[in-house]
N, C-alpha and C. Protein backbone atom coordinates (compact mmCIF):
# COMPACT_ATOMS: atom_id res chain seq x y z
N UNK A 1 -42.65 -104.77 -75.57
CA UNK A 1 -41.57 -105.37 -76.31
C UNK A 1 -40.27 -105.43 -75.49
N UNK A 2 -39.93 -104.40 -74.67
CA UNK A 2 -38.67 -104.46 -73.93
C UNK A 2 -38.58 -105.64 -72.96
N UNK A 3 -39.71 -106.19 -72.52
CA UNK A 3 -39.68 -107.31 -71.58
C UNK A 3 -39.79 -108.66 -72.28
N UNK A 4 -39.75 -108.67 -73.60
CA UNK A 4 -39.88 -109.94 -74.31
C UNK A 4 -38.63 -110.79 -74.09
N UNK A 5 -38.77 -112.11 -74.18
CA UNK A 5 -37.61 -112.98 -74.01
C UNK A 5 -36.49 -112.68 -75.01
N UNK A 6 -36.87 -112.36 -76.24
CA UNK A 6 -35.86 -112.05 -77.27
C UNK A 6 -35.07 -110.79 -76.91
N UNK A 7 -35.79 -109.81 -76.38
CA UNK A 7 -35.14 -108.57 -75.97
C UNK A 7 -34.18 -108.81 -74.81
N UNK A 8 -34.60 -109.63 -73.84
CA UNK A 8 -33.73 -109.92 -72.71
C UNK A 8 -32.48 -110.69 -73.15
N UNK A 9 -32.66 -111.62 -74.09
CA UNK A 9 -31.51 -112.38 -74.60
C UNK A 9 -30.54 -111.45 -75.32
N UNK A 10 -31.07 -110.57 -76.16
CA UNK A 10 -30.21 -109.63 -76.89
C UNK A 10 -29.46 -108.71 -75.94
N UNK A 11 -30.15 -108.25 -74.91
CA UNK A 11 -29.50 -107.39 -73.91
C UNK A 11 -28.42 -108.16 -73.16
N UNK A 12 -28.73 -109.37 -72.75
CA UNK A 12 -27.74 -110.19 -72.04
C UNK A 12 -26.53 -110.48 -72.93
N UNK A 13 -26.78 -110.75 -74.20
CA UNK A 13 -25.68 -111.02 -75.13
C UNK A 13 -24.78 -109.78 -75.29
N UNK A 14 -25.41 -108.61 -75.40
CA UNK A 14 -24.63 -107.37 -75.53
C UNK A 14 -23.82 -107.12 -74.26
N UNK A 15 -24.43 -107.33 -73.10
CA UNK A 15 -23.71 -107.15 -71.84
C UNK A 15 -22.57 -108.16 -71.71
N UNK A 16 -22.76 -109.36 -72.21
CA UNK A 16 -21.70 -110.36 -72.17
C UNK A 16 -20.50 -109.90 -72.99
N UNK A 17 -20.75 -109.33 -74.15
CA UNK A 17 -19.64 -108.81 -74.96
C UNK A 17 -18.93 -107.66 -74.25
N UNK A 18 -19.69 -106.79 -73.59
CA UNK A 18 -19.08 -105.72 -72.81
C UNK A 18 -18.25 -106.28 -71.66
N UNK A 19 -18.74 -107.34 -71.05
CA UNK A 19 -17.99 -107.98 -69.97
C UNK A 19 -16.67 -108.56 -70.49
N UNK A 20 -16.72 -109.18 -71.67
CA UNK A 20 -15.47 -109.69 -72.26
C UNK A 20 -14.48 -108.55 -72.51
N UNK A 21 -14.99 -107.42 -72.99
CA UNK A 21 -14.12 -106.25 -73.19
C UNK A 21 -13.55 -105.77 -71.86
N UNK A 22 -14.38 -105.81 -70.83
CA UNK A 22 -13.94 -105.40 -69.49
C UNK A 22 -12.78 -106.27 -69.03
N UNK A 23 -12.89 -107.57 -69.24
CA UNK A 23 -11.82 -108.49 -68.85
C UNK A 23 -10.55 -108.25 -69.67
N UNK A 24 -10.71 -107.99 -70.96
CA UNK A 24 -9.56 -107.73 -71.82
C UNK A 24 -8.84 -106.45 -71.39
N UNK A 25 -9.60 -105.41 -71.08
CA UNK A 25 -8.99 -104.17 -70.61
C UNK A 25 -8.27 -104.38 -69.28
N UNK A 26 -8.88 -105.14 -68.40
CA UNK A 26 -8.24 -105.44 -67.12
C UNK A 26 -6.92 -106.16 -67.31
N UNK A 27 -6.89 -107.12 -68.22
CA UNK A 27 -5.65 -107.86 -68.48
C UNK A 27 -4.57 -106.95 -69.06
N UNK A 28 -4.97 -106.06 -69.94
CA UNK A 28 -4.01 -105.13 -70.53
C UNK A 28 -3.46 -104.17 -69.48
N UNK A 29 -4.33 -103.65 -68.64
CA UNK A 29 -3.88 -102.75 -67.58
C UNK A 29 -2.97 -103.49 -66.60
N UNK A 30 -3.28 -104.74 -66.34
CA UNK A 30 -2.43 -105.53 -65.45
C UNK A 30 -1.02 -105.69 -66.01
N UNK A 31 -0.92 -105.95 -67.30
CA UNK A 31 0.40 -106.08 -67.94
C UNK A 31 1.17 -104.75 -67.89
N UNK A 32 0.48 -103.67 -68.16
CA UNK A 32 1.12 -102.35 -68.12
C UNK A 32 1.55 -102.02 -66.70
N UNK A 33 0.70 -102.34 -65.74
CA UNK A 33 1.03 -102.09 -64.33
C UNK A 33 2.28 -102.85 -63.92
N UNK A 34 2.36 -104.09 -64.34
CA UNK A 34 3.54 -104.91 -64.03
C UNK A 34 4.80 -104.26 -64.61
N UNK A 35 4.71 -103.84 -65.85
CA UNK A 35 5.87 -103.20 -66.50
C UNK A 35 6.25 -101.91 -65.78
N UNK A 36 5.24 -101.11 -65.43
CA UNK A 36 5.51 -99.85 -64.73
C UNK A 36 6.20 -100.11 -63.39
N UNK A 37 5.71 -101.09 -62.66
CA UNK A 37 6.30 -101.42 -61.36
C UNK A 37 7.75 -101.87 -61.51
N UNK A 38 8.00 -102.68 -62.51
CA UNK A 38 9.36 -103.20 -62.74
C UNK A 38 10.32 -102.14 -63.24
N UNK A 39 9.80 -101.03 -63.76
CA UNK A 39 10.64 -99.98 -64.32
C UNK A 39 10.62 -98.70 -63.50
N UNK A 40 10.29 -98.84 -62.23
CA UNK A 40 10.44 -97.73 -61.30
C UNK A 40 9.40 -96.63 -61.39
N UNK A 41 8.25 -96.92 -61.92
CA UNK A 41 7.20 -95.91 -62.01
C UNK A 41 6.04 -96.36 -61.11
N UNK A 42 6.35 -96.49 -59.85
CA UNK A 42 5.40 -97.04 -58.89
C UNK A 42 4.14 -96.23 -58.71
N UNK A 43 4.25 -94.90 -58.76
CA UNK A 43 3.06 -94.08 -58.54
C UNK A 43 2.05 -94.26 -59.69
N UNK A 44 2.56 -94.38 -60.89
CA UNK A 44 1.67 -94.60 -62.03
C UNK A 44 1.07 -96.01 -61.94
N UNK A 45 1.88 -96.96 -61.51
CA UNK A 45 1.40 -98.33 -61.34
C UNK A 45 0.28 -98.37 -60.29
N UNK A 46 0.43 -97.61 -59.24
CA UNK A 46 -0.60 -97.56 -58.19
C UNK A 46 -1.91 -97.01 -58.76
N UNK A 47 -1.83 -96.00 -59.59
CA UNK A 47 -3.03 -95.45 -60.22
C UNK A 47 -3.68 -96.48 -61.14
N UNK A 48 -2.86 -97.25 -61.84
CA UNK A 48 -3.39 -98.29 -62.72
C UNK A 48 -4.09 -99.37 -61.90
N UNK A 49 -3.57 -99.66 -60.72
CA UNK A 49 -4.21 -100.65 -59.85
C UNK A 49 -5.60 -100.18 -59.42
N UNK A 50 -5.75 -98.90 -59.17
CA UNK A 50 -7.06 -98.35 -58.82
C UNK A 50 -8.03 -98.54 -59.99
N UNK A 51 -7.53 -98.29 -61.20
CA UNK A 51 -8.37 -98.50 -62.38
C UNK A 51 -8.79 -99.96 -62.51
N UNK A 52 -7.88 -100.87 -62.21
CA UNK A 52 -8.20 -102.29 -62.28
C UNK A 52 -9.26 -102.67 -61.25
N UNK A 53 -9.18 -102.08 -60.07
CA UNK A 53 -10.19 -102.35 -59.05
C UNK A 53 -11.58 -101.90 -59.51
N UNK A 54 -11.62 -100.76 -60.18
CA UNK A 54 -12.89 -100.26 -60.71
C UNK A 54 -13.43 -101.21 -61.77
N UNK A 55 -12.55 -101.68 -62.65
CA UNK A 55 -12.98 -102.65 -63.67
C UNK A 55 -13.54 -103.91 -63.02
N UNK A 56 -12.88 -104.40 -61.98
CA UNK A 56 -13.35 -105.60 -61.29
C UNK A 56 -14.72 -105.38 -60.65
N UNK A 57 -14.89 -104.24 -60.01
CA UNK A 57 -16.18 -103.92 -59.38
C UNK A 57 -17.28 -103.85 -60.43
N UNK A 58 -17.01 -103.16 -61.52
CA UNK A 58 -18.01 -103.02 -62.56
C UNK A 58 -18.28 -104.34 -63.27
N UNK A 59 -17.27 -105.18 -63.42
CA UNK A 59 -17.48 -106.49 -64.04
C UNK A 59 -18.44 -107.33 -63.20
N UNK A 60 -18.33 -107.21 -61.90
CA UNK A 60 -19.25 -107.94 -61.01
C UNK A 60 -20.68 -107.46 -61.23
N UNK A 61 -20.87 -106.16 -61.33
CA UNK A 61 -22.21 -105.62 -61.58
C UNK A 61 -22.76 -106.05 -62.93
N UNK A 62 -21.92 -106.06 -63.95
CA UNK A 62 -22.36 -106.50 -65.27
C UNK A 62 -22.74 -107.98 -65.23
N UNK A 63 -21.92 -108.78 -64.55
CA UNK A 63 -22.21 -110.21 -64.44
C UNK A 63 -23.54 -110.45 -63.75
N UNK A 64 -23.79 -109.72 -62.68
CA UNK A 64 -25.06 -109.85 -61.96
C UNK A 64 -26.24 -109.49 -62.86
N UNK A 65 -26.11 -108.43 -63.65
CA UNK A 65 -27.18 -108.02 -64.55
C UNK A 65 -27.42 -109.08 -65.62
N UNK A 66 -26.36 -109.65 -66.15
CA UNK A 66 -26.50 -110.71 -67.15
C UNK A 66 -27.25 -111.89 -66.57
N UNK A 67 -26.89 -112.28 -65.37
CA UNK A 67 -27.54 -113.43 -64.74
C UNK A 67 -29.02 -113.16 -64.50
N UNK A 68 -29.38 -111.95 -64.10
CA UNK A 68 -30.79 -111.63 -63.89
C UNK A 68 -31.57 -111.68 -65.21
N UNK A 69 -30.95 -111.19 -66.28
CA UNK A 69 -31.62 -111.20 -67.59
C UNK A 69 -31.81 -112.62 -68.11
N UNK A 70 -30.87 -113.48 -67.82
CA UNK A 70 -30.93 -114.84 -68.38
C UNK A 70 -31.82 -115.77 -67.58
N UNK A 71 -32.39 -115.32 -66.48
CA UNK A 71 -33.31 -116.17 -65.70
C UNK A 71 -34.60 -116.43 -66.42
């Protein structure tokens, strides 16, 4: 059953929703980072940038998994 087409579609759909959440979190962190930088809290902004890089890396992995499932 785990290899059925319906199961793969459901998994890909769930991963797609997680990817959308990943993008939303990245956008929110980007806005906060911008505000922190503009208000003299550069060290915290730098830490937020590292978090954004992690989100970007993980989003790529999620996207790759979605594409493999949808083949």
